[in-house]
Amino acid sequence: MHADVLLVRSVTAVNAALLDGTPVRFVGSATIGTDHIDQAWLAGQGIAFHHAPGCNAQSVVDWVLSVLSRLHLDHQKHWWQQTIGVVGAGNVGTRLVGRLNTLGVRTLVCDPPKAAQNVASDFVELRTLLQAADVVCMHAPLTKDGDHATEGMIGAEQLNWLKPGAWLINAGRGPVIQELAVQRVLETGKINAVLDVWPDEPRVSEALLNAVAQASPHVAGYSQEGKWAGTRMLAEALHHWAGVSLPQGPDIPEGPRLDSHFFNADTAEQLGSELIQALHDPARDTVAMRYALENGRIQPDTFDGLRKHYPKRRELAAARLANVPDEAKDWLVKLGFVV
């Protein structure tokens, strides 16, 4: 490698094996997470490192809403009338809780590190959350050490706490869930799961893939807005490091136009779900994942290919809505649309 600057996303492990002996002096990752980066080694080598915390948080929130909308349309699940638990109150979890609260959803939040710091008084224990929630959204980071390590935090015991028929949605980090444990409980039919991240990622076993209700290849944060924001954050950091000014533009293109007249919806909630699906239908991702199986699993190269060639997706706020019924406007705005 003869470059001075290395820019990556989450699939590239950046460590001594990759960079030792190279002239690289700046590493940037257009991601929220940093578990693929050996930051201690970079600091020891005097290599500057920047990432993009929060860049695609809204994208993940919108992805969760697309999953909930699919559950509404396919399973008549009125999730807005149920209890949703959020594990992890970082950029994504906090924004998701805010959106759910705006919609009037009863939420429970678990974040032991923040609870220990007395950041807020309304956190609950993990067991309390899992026993009470109808839907559990995992947004915890991957940590392997310390009093609140998250690796493997959801195993057979924790899954047994979930109420029958509960939904487990993981768009955080795959290894926080123990693969064999979740596969076994899913095969019993006690609970249901939607996984965007996988315990052995970038490998995905056929058994686990077939056990989940919906699947996607670690793309919850892959909106065009999220990618643009992450790229912009790295560009700003790189230009500051290099001591040069950042040029203007380009701006993100205008979003798609959605006409409510084309959707046969009797309620504001149904119209919201239909409009969300028009922007992103997670069922499409599930089909693509299962089609990618080969010899009992999705191989790393195939998984990476699904991510690299993922269709363009826009966030809810980018859509230009037309002919919205007056009685649906308030709900759509609370979902995140601009009416």
Protein backbone atom coordinates (compact mmCIF):
# COMPACT_ATOMS: atom_id res chain seq x y z
CA MET A 1 0.00 0.00 0.00
CA HIS A 2 1.44 3.35 -1.09
CA ALA A 3 -1.37 5.65 0.04
CA ASP A 4 -1.18 8.29 2.76
CA VAL A 5 -4.91 8.08 3.52
CA LEU A 6 -7.14 5.01 3.97
CA LEU A 7 -10.95 5.36 3.92
CA VAL A 8 -13.04 2.27 4.72
CA ARG A 9 -16.45 1.05 5.78
CA SER A 10 -17.33 -1.62 8.33
CA VAL A 11 -16.15 -4.75 6.48
CA THR A 12 -12.45 -3.84 6.42
CA ALA A 13 -10.42 -4.75 9.52
CA VAL A 14 -7.86 -1.98 10.06
CA ASN A 15 -4.95 -3.12 12.22
CA ALA A 16 -1.23 -3.83 12.22
CA ALA A 17 -1.64 -6.68 9.75
CA LEU A 18 -3.07 -4.28 7.19
CA LEU A 19 -1.05 -1.12 7.80
CA ASP A 20 2.29 -1.97 9.42
CA GLY A 21 5.10 -0.67 7.25
CA THR A 22 2.82 1.45 5.05
CA PRO A 23 2.92 5.25 4.71
CA VAL A 24 -0.73 5.63 5.81
CA ARG A 25 -1.09 8.52 8.30
CA PHE A 26 -4.87 9.03 8.28
CA VAL A 27 -7.63 6.41 8.57
CA GLY A 28 -11.30 7.24 8.20
CA SER A 29 -14.30 4.93 8.52
CA ALA A 30 -17.70 6.11 7.30
CA THR A 31 -19.44 4.15 10.03
CA ILE A 32 -20.98 4.51 13.46
CA GLY A 33 -19.22 1.47 14.92
CA THR A 34 -15.48 1.08 15.34
CA ASP A 35 -15.06 -2.56 16.36
CA HIS A 36 -13.29 -3.20 13.02
CA ILE A 37 -10.62 -0.62 13.89
CA ASP A 38 -7.64 -1.25 16.19
CA GLN A 39 -7.63 2.27 17.57
CA ALA A 40 -4.97 1.55 20.18
CA TRP A 41 -2.53 0.42 17.50
CA LEU A 42 -3.31 3.43 15.29
CA ALA A 43 -2.73 5.82 18.20
CA GLY A 44 0.55 4.10 19.02
CA GLN A 45 1.70 4.64 15.44
CA GLY A 46 0.62 8.28 15.40
CA ILE A 47 -1.98 7.57 12.73
CA ALA A 48 -4.97 9.91 12.87
CA PHE A 49 -8.36 8.21 13.00
CA HIS A 50 -11.84 9.58 12.42
CA HIS A 51 -15.21 7.91 11.99
CA ALA A 52 -18.78 9.12 11.59
CA PRO A 53 -20.80 8.59 14.79
CA GLY A 54 -24.48 9.20 14.23
CA CYS A 55 -24.18 9.62 10.47
CA ASN A 56 -26.72 6.93 9.66
CA ALA A 57 -28.69 6.86 12.91
CA GLN A 58 -31.81 8.17 11.18
CA SER A 59 -31.39 5.56 8.48
CA VAL A 60 -31.49 2.78 11.07
CA VAL A 61 -34.54 4.29 12.75
CA ASP A 62 -36.34 4.41 9.40
CA TRP A 63 -35.27 0.81 8.73
CA VAL A 64 -36.81 -0.28 12.05
CA LEU A 65 -40.02 1.50 11.06
CA SER A 66 -40.00 -0.33 7.73
CA VAL A 67 -39.74 -3.64 9.59
CA LEU A 68 -42.57 -2.68 11.95
CA SER A 69 -44.65 -1.59 8.96
CA ARG A 70 -44.09 -4.95 7.31
CA LEU A 71 -45.22 -6.68 10.51
CA HIS A 72 -48.31 -4.46 10.52
CA LEU A 73 -49.26 -5.32 6.95
CA ASP A 74 -48.36 -9.03 7.08
CA HIS A 75 -49.33 -9.93 10.64
CA GLN A 76 -51.85 -7.22 11.57
CA LYS A 77 -49.46 -6.21 14.35
CA HIS A 78 -50.51 -2.86 15.81
CA TRP A 79 -47.05 -2.17 17.20
CA TRP A 80 -47.90 1.45 18.08
CA GLN A 81 -50.28 0.09 20.74
CA GLN A 82 -47.72 -2.29 22.24
CA THR A 83 -44.58 -2.07 24.36
CA ILE A 84 -41.26 -1.74 22.54
CA GLY A 85 -37.98 -2.29 24.35
CA VAL A 86 -34.76 -0.67 23.13
CA VAL A 87 -31.45 -2.13 24.27
CA GLY A 88 -28.69 0.44 23.87
CA ALA A 89 -29.20 4.20 24.16
CA GLY A 90 -26.50 5.48 21.83
CA ASN A 91 -27.10 7.59 18.73
CA VAL A 92 -29.49 5.09 17.15
CA GLY A 93 -31.28 3.88 20.27
CA THR A 94 -31.88 7.38 21.59
CA ARG A 95 -33.25 8.57 18.26
CA LEU A 96 -35.48 5.51 17.94
CA VAL A 97 -36.90 6.01 21.43
CA GLY A 98 -37.59 9.65 20.60
CA ARG A 99 -39.47 8.69 17.45
CA LEU A 100 -41.48 6.00 19.25
CA ASN A 101 -42.37 8.38 22.07
CA THR A 102 -43.56 10.95 19.54
CA LEU A 103 -45.84 8.25 18.15
CA GLY A 104 -47.20 7.57 21.63
CA VAL A 105 -45.59 4.14 21.94
CA ARG A 106 -44.81 2.79 25.41
CA THR A 107 -41.04 2.26 25.46
CA LEU A 108 -38.58 0.61 27.83
CA VAL A 109 -34.86 1.37 27.58
CA CYS A 110 -31.92 -0.67 28.87
CA ASP A 111 -28.37 0.72 28.87
CA PRO A 112 -26.35 -0.49 31.89
CA PRO A 113 -23.26 1.70 31.27
CA LYS A 114 -25.36 4.85 31.12
CA ALA A 115 -27.48 3.74 34.07
CA ALA A 116 -24.27 3.26 36.09
CA GLN A 117 -23.25 6.82 35.22
CA ASN A 118 -26.64 8.12 36.39
CA VAL A 119 -27.19 9.63 32.96
CA ALA A 120 -30.93 9.13 33.38
CA SER A 121 -33.25 7.62 35.94
CA ASP A 122 -35.66 5.81 33.65
CA PHE A 123 -33.49 2.92 32.48
CA VAL A 124 -34.68 -0.61 33.30
CA GLU A 125 -32.85 -3.89 33.82
CA LEU A 126 -32.47 -6.19 30.81
CA ARG A 127 -34.66 -8.88 32.36
CA THR A 128 -37.45 -6.38 33.04
CA LEU A 129 -37.33 -5.18 29.44
CA LEU A 130 -37.29 -8.63 27.89
CA GLN A 131 -40.17 -9.88 30.02
CA ALA A 132 -42.40 -6.87 29.30
CA ALA A 133 -41.73 -5.95 25.66
CA ASP A 134 -43.74 -7.13 22.68
CA VAL A 135 -40.91 -6.00 20.40
CA VAL A 136 -37.23 -5.80 21.40
CA CYS A 137 -34.88 -3.66 19.30
CA MET A 138 -31.18 -4.34 19.82
CA HIS A 139 -28.89 -1.35 19.29
CA ALA A 140 -26.09 -2.15 21.72
CA PRO A 141 -22.46 -1.74 20.61
CA LEU A 142 -20.14 -4.74 20.60
CA THR A 143 -17.88 -4.75 23.66
CA LYS A 144 -15.89 -7.75 24.85
CA ASP A 145 -14.47 -6.55 28.18
CA GLY A 146 -15.59 -4.74 31.31
CA ASP A 147 -18.55 -4.97 33.65
CA HIS A 148 -21.05 -4.41 30.85
CA ALA A 149 -19.60 -6.45 27.98
CA THR A 150 -22.23 -7.05 25.31
CA GLU A 151 -20.71 -9.97 23.38
CA GLY A 152 -23.11 -12.88 23.74
CA MET A 153 -25.36 -10.94 26.12
CA ILE A 154 -28.49 -12.53 24.63
CA GLY A 155 -28.33 -16.29 25.21
CA ALA A 156 -30.73 -19.08 26.13
CA GLU A 157 -31.54 -17.62 29.56
CA GLN A 158 -32.31 -14.15 28.22
CA LEU A 159 -34.34 -15.51 25.30
CA ASN A 160 -36.40 -17.56 27.74
CA TRP A 161 -37.44 -14.30 29.44
CA LEU A 162 -39.21 -13.11 26.29
CA LYS A 163 -42.97 -13.49 26.21
CA PRO A 164 -44.44 -15.94 23.67
CA GLY A 165 -44.95 -14.26 20.32
CA ALA A 166 -42.44 -11.48 20.99
CA TRP A 167 -40.34 -10.07 18.16
CA LEU A 168 -36.56 -9.65 18.44
CA ILE A 169 -35.05 -7.14 15.99
CA ASN A 170 -31.28 -6.74 15.82
CA ALA A 171 -29.79 -3.89 13.79
CA GLY A 172 -26.88 -3.26 16.16
CA ARG A 173 -24.09 -5.83 16.29
CA GLY A 174 -24.50 -9.51 15.42
CA PRO A 175 -22.32 -11.11 18.14
CA VAL A 176 -24.39 -9.64 20.99
CA ILE A 177 -26.73 -12.60 20.31
CA GLN A 178 -25.60 -16.19 20.71
CA GLU A 179 -26.30 -17.94 17.42
CA LEU A 180 -27.22 -21.45 18.52
CA ALA A 181 -29.42 -20.17 21.34
CA VAL A 182 -31.47 -17.86 19.12
CA GLN A 183 -31.72 -20.46 16.36
CA ARG A 184 -33.10 -23.05 18.78
CA VAL A 185 -35.72 -20.76 20.29
CA LEU A 186 -36.81 -19.57 16.85
CA GLU A 187 -37.23 -23.14 15.68
CA THR A 188 -39.63 -23.79 18.57
CA GLY A 189 -41.83 -20.97 17.33
CA LYS A 190 -41.94 -19.26 20.74
CA ILE A 191 -40.62 -15.95 19.40
CA ASN A 192 -39.87 -14.33 16.05
CA ALA A 193 -36.78 -12.49 14.86
CA VAL A 194 -35.65 -9.99 12.25
CA LEU A 195 -31.89 -9.80 11.79
CA ASP A 196 -29.90 -7.22 9.88
CA VAL A 197 -26.67 -8.24 11.65
CA TRP A 198 -25.48 -11.79 12.26
CA PRO A 199 -23.55 -13.60 15.02
CA ASP A 200 -20.94 -15.03 12.60
CA GLU A 201 -21.03 -12.17 10.09
CA PRO A 202 -20.05 -12.04 7.26
CA ARG A 203 -21.01 -15.74 7.28
CA VAL A 204 -24.68 -16.56 7.67
CA SER A 205 -25.85 -20.13 8.27
CA GLU A 206 -28.78 -21.52 6.33
CA ALA A 207 -30.36 -22.81 9.53
CA LEU A 208 -30.43 -19.39 11.18
CA LEU A 209 -31.47 -17.62 7.98
CA ASN A 210 -34.41 -19.97 7.54
CA ALA A 211 -35.43 -19.52 11.18
CA VAL A 212 -35.83 -15.73 11.05
CA ALA A 213 -38.91 -14.01 9.66
CA GLN A 214 -36.98 -11.26 7.87
CA ALA A 215 -33.32 -10.87 6.99
CA SER A 216 -30.98 -8.29 5.50
CA PRO A 217 -27.18 -8.06 4.98
CA HIS A 218 -26.17 -5.40 7.56
CA VAL A 219 -27.74 -2.55 5.61
CA ALA A 220 -30.05 -0.88 8.12
CA GLY A 221 -27.87 2.22 7.94
CA TYR A 222 -27.52 2.17 4.15
CA SER A 223 -29.76 5.08 3.21
CA GLN A 224 -28.44 7.58 0.72
CA GLU A 225 -28.69 10.27 3.40
CA GLY A 226 -26.66 8.17 5.83
CA LYS A 227 -23.95 7.47 3.29
CA TRP A 228 -23.82 11.12 2.27
CA ALA A 229 -23.57 12.29 5.89
CA GLY A 230 -20.83 9.78 6.70
CA THR A 231 -18.85 10.75 3.64
CA ARG A 232 -19.26 14.43 4.45
CA MET A 233 -18.06 13.92 8.03
CA LEU A 234 -14.94 12.11 6.83
CA ALA A 235 -14.29 14.75 4.17
CA GLU A 236 -14.43 17.47 6.81
CA ALA A 237 -12.06 15.56 9.12
CA LEU A 238 -9.64 14.78 6.30
CA HIS A 239 -9.51 18.35 5.01
CA HIS A 240 -8.99 19.66 8.55
CA TRP A 241 -6.16 17.15 9.07
CA ALA A 242 -4.58 18.15 5.76
CA GLY A 243 -5.00 21.85 6.50
CA VAL A 244 -7.01 22.63 3.37
CA SER A 245 -10.51 24.06 2.95
CA LEU A 246 -13.43 21.81 2.06
CA PRO A 247 -15.07 22.59 -1.30
CA GLN A 248 -18.83 23.15 -1.50
CA GLY A 249 -21.33 20.47 -2.56
CA PRO A 250 -22.49 18.31 -4.05
CA ASP A 251 -26.02 18.22 -2.60
CA ILE A 252 -28.01 15.01 -2.27
CA PRO A 253 -30.62 14.57 -5.05
CA GLU A 254 -34.31 15.29 -4.48
CA GLY A 255 -36.31 12.41 -3.03
CA PRO A 256 -39.07 10.37 -4.71
CA ARG A 257 -42.67 11.57 -5.03
CA LEU A 258 -45.35 9.39 -3.43
CA ASP A 259 -49.01 10.04 -4.20
CA SER A 260 -51.42 8.85 -1.49
CA HIS A 261 -54.12 8.29 -4.14
CA PHE A 262 -52.24 5.19 -5.29
CA PHE A 263 -52.53 3.48 -1.91
CA ASN A 264 -55.72 1.77 -0.77
CA ALA A 265 -55.60 2.53 2.96
CA ASP A 266 -58.53 2.83 5.35
CA THR A 267 -56.58 4.31 8.27
CA ALA A 268 -53.71 6.71 8.83
CA GLU A 269 -51.64 3.86 10.25
CA GLN A 270 -52.20 1.69 7.19
CA LEU A 271 -51.35 4.56 4.85
CA GLY A 272 -48.15 5.17 6.83
CA SER A 273 -47.14 1.52 6.52
CA GLU A 274 -47.88 1.48 2.80
CA LEU A 275 -45.87 4.65 2.17
CA ILE A 276 -42.92 3.32 4.18
CA GLN A 277 -42.96 0.09 2.17
CA ALA A 278 -42.95 2.11 -1.04
CA LEU A 279 -39.60 3.55 0.05
CA HIS A 280 -38.18 0.33 1.44
CA ASP A 281 -39.71 -3.13 1.68
CA PRO A 282 -37.60 -5.45 3.90
CA ALA A 283 -39.27 -8.49 2.32
CA ARG A 284 -37.13 -7.81 -0.75
CA ASP A 285 -33.97 -8.15 1.35
CA THR A 286 -35.16 -11.45 2.78
CA VAL A 287 -35.65 -12.90 -0.69
CA ALA A 288 -32.19 -11.71 -1.78
CA MET A 289 -30.55 -13.23 1.31
CA ARG A 290 -32.17 -16.63 0.82
CA TYR A 291 -31.39 -16.62 -2.88
CA ALA A 292 -27.71 -16.06 -1.97
CA LEU A 293 -27.40 -19.32 -0.01
CA GLU A 294 -24.73 -21.72 -1.23
CA ASN A 295 -23.70 -25.02 0.35
CA GLY A 296 -25.59 -24.37 3.56
CA ARG A 297 -24.58 -20.75 4.16
CA ILE A 298 -24.02 -17.31 2.73
CA GLN A 299 -20.30 -16.97 2.12
CA PRO A 300 -18.35 -13.83 3.12
CA ASP A 301 -17.78 -12.68 -0.47
CA THR A 302 -21.45 -13.10 -1.28
CA PHE A 303 -22.49 -11.22 1.86
CA ASP A 304 -20.13 -8.39 0.93
CA GLY A 305 -21.54 -8.38 -2.59
CA LEU A 306 -25.09 -7.99 -1.29
CA ARG A 307 -23.97 -4.90 0.61
CA LYS A 308 -21.94 -3.40 -2.22
CA HIS A 309 -24.80 -3.75 -4.71
CA TYR A 310 -27.60 -2.82 -2.33
CA PRO A 311 -30.37 -0.79 -4.03
CA LYS A 312 -30.52 2.91 -3.28
CA ARG A 313 -32.81 3.72 -0.37
CA ARG A 314 -34.05 7.12 0.79
CA GLU A 315 -35.12 8.16 4.28
CA LEU A 316 -38.73 8.99 5.11
CA ALA A 317 -38.09 12.72 5.32
CA ALA A 318 -36.81 12.73 1.72
CA ALA A 319 -40.12 11.59 0.25
CA ARG A 320 -42.32 14.22 -1.37
CA LEU A 321 -45.91 13.32 -0.46
CA ALA A 322 -48.92 14.35 -2.49
CA ASN A 323 -52.68 14.21 -1.89
CA VAL A 324 -52.36 13.26 1.77
CA PRO A 325 -55.75 13.06 3.54
CA ASP A 326 -56.08 15.60 6.33
CA GLU A 327 -56.84 12.88 8.87
CA ALA A 328 -53.54 11.12 8.12
CA LYS A 329 -51.19 14.11 8.21
CA ASP A 330 -50.48 14.10 11.94
CA TRP A 331 -49.57 10.40 11.98
CA LEU A 332 -47.34 10.68 8.92
CA VAL A 333 -45.46 13.63 10.39
CA LYS A 334 -44.92 11.71 13.62
CA LEU A 335 -43.53 8.80 11.59
CA GLY A 336 -40.97 11.15 10.06
CA PHE A 337 -42.47 12.19 6.76
CA VAL A 338 -42.58 15.82 5.69
CA VAL A 339 -46.16 16.72 4.78
